[in-house]
Amino acid sequence: MILSSPLAFIIIPTGMGILLMVAALGFAFWAQSKVKTTYNKYVQIPTRGGITGYEAAEAVMHKAGIYDVEIVRTPGVLTDHYDPVNKRLALSEHNYSGSSLAAVGVAAHEAGHAIQHKVGYTMMNVRQQMAPVVNIAASFLPFIFIGGFFFGLNGGLILDLGIIVYAILTLFHLVTLPVEFDATARAKRELDSLGIVAADEAPGVSATLSAAGWTYVAAFAGSLMHLVYLIVLRGRD
């Protein structure tokens, strides 16, 4: 996921810029803290069935008729992701071999992305098509920062470029929201139907995935705040 940057606010610390910067950074910090706290709690609670994240992801995909997606380990914590290009589902160590409520929840969520890919979920397709453009747009952020630092952002090419870049990032984060929320809904549904988690274990899975969802909301909000700030600056020009 491409995160927005507070660079524009740092370049011109006006009253509005400072307010938006504090709001964006505060929200992002809260979201990251919430997901880490929640994950650390439920990664300590094993499912009674003892099914690992690997097995949960495999079961969810097999039920959907998906047998051509490779499940692999990936370094780090909460680095789990689904790669639609190479049809590879990567799970971090704890979630790959662990049998906690957090592990099966995250694994099933990533399997939900694999299902989206198979059924041609519209918003996932849109996000995939946007990815190359987003990567290019994000590469301009350092130039916006350097140019704004030395020349200011009050009008001109740098400000216009910043608006374009943040417009693209904001749209990308907006499209990401339904993709992530849909994958979470699929994960909860499949874990229940497959009997991987019991009814009294479901709240732990739900809490983990809901906390993770806030990080995507925070990314969208932060990017939107940057965009609004730059548009306001442009209007003053």
Protein backbone atom coordinates (compact mmCIF):
# COMPACT_ATOMS: atom_id res chain seq x y z
CA MET A 1 0.00 0.00 0.00
CA ILE A 2 1.28 3.44 -0.92
CA LEU A 3 0.97 5.80 2.00
CA SER A 4 0.58 9.53 1.71
CA SER A 5 3.28 11.85 2.98
CA PRO A 6 3.10 14.93 5.22
CA LEU A 7 5.80 16.69 3.22
CA ALA A 8 3.53 19.37 1.80
CA PHE A 9 2.47 20.42 5.28
CA ILE A 10 6.07 20.58 6.47
CA ILE A 11 7.09 22.80 3.58
CA ILE A 12 4.55 25.53 4.37
CA PRO A 13 3.64 25.41 8.07
CA THR A 14 0.65 27.77 7.87
CA GLY A 15 -2.10 27.57 10.47
CA MET A 16 -4.22 25.37 8.25
CA GLY A 17 -1.22 23.28 7.24
CA ILE A 18 -0.26 22.63 10.85
CA LEU A 19 -3.83 21.71 11.77
CA LEU A 20 -4.16 19.26 8.88
CA MET A 21 -0.70 17.84 9.50
CA VAL A 22 -1.50 17.14 13.15
CA ALA A 23 -4.86 15.61 12.22
CA ALA A 24 -3.41 13.38 9.50
CA LEU A 25 -0.42 12.22 11.52
CA GLY A 26 -2.53 11.74 14.65
CA PHE A 27 -5.08 9.62 12.80
CA ALA A 28 -2.35 7.57 11.13
CA PHE A 29 -0.54 7.02 14.44
CA TRP A 30 -3.78 5.99 16.14
CA ALA A 31 -4.64 3.53 13.35
CA GLN A 32 -1.17 1.95 13.37
CA SER A 33 -1.21 1.72 17.15
CA LYS A 34 -4.66 0.15 17.14
CA VAL A 35 -3.79 -2.54 14.61
CA LYS A 36 -0.54 -3.42 16.40
CA THR A 37 -2.21 -3.57 19.81
CA THR A 38 -5.12 -5.64 18.55
CA TYR A 39 -2.93 -7.98 16.53
CA ASN A 40 -0.52 -8.50 19.43
CA LYS A 41 -3.48 -9.41 21.62
CA TYR A 42 -5.12 -11.95 19.34
CA VAL A 43 -1.91 -13.48 17.99
CA GLN A 44 -1.52 -14.87 21.52
CA ILE A 45 -4.92 -16.61 21.47
CA PRO A 46 -4.93 -19.95 19.59
CA THR A 47 -7.98 -21.26 17.80
CA ARG A 48 -9.41 -24.37 19.41
CA GLY A 49 -9.23 -26.15 16.07
CA GLY A 50 -5.49 -25.59 15.83
CA ILE A 51 -5.60 -24.73 12.14
CA THR A 52 -2.68 -22.64 10.95
CA GLY A 53 -2.89 -19.55 8.81
CA TYR A 54 -1.51 -21.52 5.88
CA GLU A 55 -4.22 -24.15 6.27
CA ALA A 56 -6.93 -21.53 6.68
CA ALA A 57 -5.91 -19.69 3.50
CA GLU A 58 -5.71 -22.96 1.61
CA ALA A 59 -9.13 -24.08 2.83
CA VAL A 60 -10.77 -20.78 1.91
CA MET A 61 -9.26 -20.81 -1.58
CA HIS A 62 -10.01 -24.48 -2.20
CA LYS A 63 -13.65 -23.94 -1.29
CA ALA A 64 -13.73 -21.22 -3.96
CA GLY A 65 -12.14 -23.58 -6.48
CA ILE A 66 -8.74 -21.90 -6.40
CA TYR A 67 -5.84 -24.35 -6.66
CA ASP A 68 -3.26 -22.38 -8.64
CA VAL A 69 -2.25 -19.82 -5.99
CA GLU A 70 1.03 -20.47 -4.19
CA ILE A 71 1.12 -19.76 -0.45
CA VAL A 72 4.56 -18.62 0.71
CA ARG A 73 6.24 -17.17 3.79
CA THR A 74 7.36 -13.56 3.77
CA PRO A 75 9.67 -11.81 6.27
CA GLY A 76 8.41 -9.26 8.75
CA VAL A 77 5.27 -8.69 10.79
CA LEU A 78 1.95 -7.93 9.12
CA THR A 79 3.63 -7.98 5.72
CA ASP A 80 0.95 -10.33 4.41
CA HIS A 81 -0.33 -9.66 0.90
CA TYR A 82 -1.77 -11.24 -2.23
CA ASP A 83 0.08 -10.83 -5.52
CA PRO A 84 -2.47 -11.17 -8.37
CA VAL A 85 0.18 -10.96 -11.09
CA ASN A 86 2.12 -14.01 -9.91
CA LYS A 87 -0.84 -15.64 -8.12
CA ARG A 88 1.07 -15.77 -4.87
CA LEU A 89 -0.32 -15.37 -1.36
CA ALA A 90 2.39 -14.28 1.06
CA LEU A 91 1.96 -14.72 4.81
CA SER A 92 4.30 -13.40 7.49
CA GLU A 93 5.90 -16.02 9.70
CA HIS A 94 3.46 -15.78 12.61
CA ASN A 95 0.48 -15.93 10.30
CA TYR A 96 1.87 -18.69 8.08
CA SER A 97 2.61 -21.26 10.77
CA GLY A 98 0.65 -19.83 13.71
CA SER A 99 -2.81 -21.02 14.67
CA SER A 100 -3.97 -17.90 16.48
CA LEU A 101 -7.20 -16.00 15.89
CA ALA A 102 -5.14 -13.21 14.31
CA ALA A 103 -3.26 -15.64 12.03
CA VAL A 104 -6.33 -17.34 10.58
CA GLY A 105 -8.10 -13.99 10.24
CA VAL A 106 -5.29 -12.33 8.30
CA ALA A 107 -4.72 -15.44 6.18
CA ALA A 108 -8.39 -15.69 5.29
CA HIS A 109 -8.43 -11.98 4.43
CA GLU A 110 -5.61 -12.48 1.93
CA ALA A 111 -7.43 -15.52 0.55
CA GLY A 112 -10.39 -13.19 0.12
CA HIS A 113 -8.26 -11.14 -2.28
CA ALA A 114 -7.51 -14.31 -4.24
CA ILE A 115 -11.25 -14.93 -4.52
CA GLN A 116 -11.77 -11.35 -5.69
CA HIS A 117 -9.16 -11.96 -8.37
CA LYS A 118 -10.84 -15.15 -9.52
CA VAL A 119 -14.36 -13.69 -9.74
CA GLY A 120 -13.14 -10.46 -11.32
CA TYR A 121 -14.18 -8.16 -8.50
CA THR A 122 -14.52 -4.77 -10.19
CA MET A 123 -12.83 -2.57 -7.63
CA MET A 124 -9.84 -4.90 -7.39
CA ASN A 125 -9.46 -4.74 -11.17
CA VAL A 126 -9.60 -0.94 -11.01
CA ARG A 127 -6.94 -0.87 -8.30
CA GLN A 128 -4.67 -3.16 -10.33
CA GLN A 129 -5.02 -0.95 -13.39
CA MET A 130 -4.24 2.14 -11.32
CA ALA A 131 -1.14 0.67 -9.66
CA PRO A 132 1.42 1.60 -12.39
CA VAL A 133 0.15 5.19 -12.55
CA VAL A 134 0.16 5.45 -8.75
CA ASN A 135 3.76 4.22 -8.56
CA ILE A 136 4.83 6.84 -11.08
CA ALA A 137 2.91 9.58 -9.26
CA ALA A 138 4.43 8.61 -5.90
CA SER A 139 7.92 8.85 -7.39
CA PHE A 140 7.37 12.60 -7.82
CA LEU A 141 6.86 13.20 -4.08
CA PRO A 142 10.59 13.78 -3.36
CA PHE A 143 10.73 16.39 -6.15
CA ILE A 144 7.67 18.13 -4.74
CA PHE A 145 9.31 18.24 -1.33
CA ILE A 146 12.68 19.49 -2.59
CA GLY A 147 11.13 22.01 -4.96
CA GLY A 148 8.72 23.27 -2.32
CA PHE A 149 11.48 23.53 0.27
CA PHE A 150 13.69 25.69 -1.93
CA PHE A 151 11.14 27.56 -4.02
CA GLY A 152 7.89 27.40 -2.04
CA LEU A 153 4.55 26.01 -3.11
CA ASN A 154 2.67 29.25 -3.65
CA GLY A 155 1.66 28.76 -7.25
CA GLY A 156 3.54 27.42 -10.22
CA LEU A 157 4.43 24.03 -11.56
CA ILE A 158 5.38 22.47 -8.22
CA LEU A 159 2.00 23.20 -6.66
CA ASP A 160 0.13 21.94 -9.72
CA LEU A 161 2.23 18.79 -9.74
CA GLY A 162 1.50 18.26 -6.05
CA ILE A 163 -2.24 18.54 -6.66
CA ILE A 164 -2.10 16.02 -9.50
CA VAL A 165 -0.02 13.55 -7.47
CA TYR A 166 -2.23 13.74 -4.39
CA ALA A 167 -5.38 13.52 -6.51
CA ILE A 168 -4.11 10.23 -7.92
CA LEU A 169 -3.06 8.93 -4.49
CA THR A 170 -6.37 9.93 -2.93
CA LEU A 171 -8.35 8.17 -5.66
CA PHE A 172 -6.20 5.07 -5.25
CA HIS A 173 -6.77 5.00 -1.49
CA LEU A 174 -10.49 5.50 -2.05
CA VAL A 175 -10.64 2.54 -4.44
CA THR A 176 -8.63 0.47 -1.95
CA LEU A 177 -11.26 0.82 0.79
CA PRO A 178 -14.00 -1.36 -0.76
CA VAL A 179 -11.38 -3.89 -1.88
CA GLU A 180 -10.12 -4.35 1.68
CA PHE A 181 -13.54 -4.27 3.32
CA ASP A 182 -14.89 -6.82 0.85
CA ALA A 183 -11.93 -9.15 1.48
CA THR A 184 -12.58 -8.90 5.22
CA ALA A 185 -16.26 -9.71 4.75
CA ARG A 186 -15.36 -12.73 2.64
CA ALA A 187 -12.84 -13.88 5.26
CA LYS A 188 -15.35 -13.74 8.11
CA ARG A 189 -17.98 -15.53 6.06
CA GLU A 190 -15.68 -18.34 4.94
CA LEU A 191 -14.10 -18.90 8.35
CA ASP A 192 -17.60 -19.35 9.76
CA SER A 193 -18.91 -21.59 6.98
CA LEU A 194 -15.82 -23.80 7.07
CA GLY A 195 -15.97 -24.08 10.86
CA ILE A 196 -12.40 -22.86 11.23
CA VAL A 197 -13.39 -20.55 14.09
CA ALA A 198 -16.21 -21.09 16.57
CA ALA A 199 -18.90 -18.50 17.23
CA ASP A 200 -17.25 -17.32 20.42
CA GLU A 201 -13.89 -16.98 18.62
CA ALA A 202 -15.28 -14.87 15.77
CA PRO A 203 -15.11 -11.55 17.71
CA GLY A 204 -11.33 -11.91 18.01
CA VAL A 205 -10.96 -12.40 14.26
CA SER A 206 -13.35 -9.53 13.58
CA ALA A 207 -11.47 -7.19 15.93
CA THR A 208 -8.15 -7.97 14.24
CA LEU A 209 -9.46 -7.35 10.73
CA SER A 210 -11.44 -4.26 11.73
CA ALA A 211 -8.34 -2.72 13.32
CA ALA A 212 -6.37 -3.39 10.14
CA GLY A 213 -9.12 -1.71 8.14
CA TRP A 214 -8.56 1.57 9.98
CA THR A 215 -5.05 1.84 8.50
CA TYR A 216 -6.60 2.06 5.02
CA VAL A 217 -9.09 4.67 6.20
CA ALA A 218 -6.24 6.67 7.73
CA ALA A 219 -4.23 6.48 4.50
CA PHE A 220 -7.21 7.80 2.52
CA ALA A 221 -7.93 10.57 5.03
CA GLY A 222 -4.29 11.67 5.13
CA SER A 223 -4.02 11.81 1.37
CA LEU A 224 -7.31 13.69 1.09
CA MET A 225 -6.18 16.28 3.66
CA HIS A 226 -3.00 16.89 1.66
CA LEU A 227 -5.02 17.32 -1.52
CA VAL A 228 -7.46 19.77 0.08
CA TYR A 229 -4.60 21.79 1.54
CA LEU A 230 -2.84 22.09 -1.81
CA ILE A 231 -6.07 23.04 -3.59
CA VAL A 232 -6.69 25.77 -1.02
CA LEU A 233 -3.17 27.08 -1.60
CA ARG A 234 -3.78 27.07 -5.34
CA GLY A 235 -6.98 29.02 -4.84
CA ARG A 236 -5.06 31.74 -3.00
CA ASP A 237 -2.63 32.11 -5.87
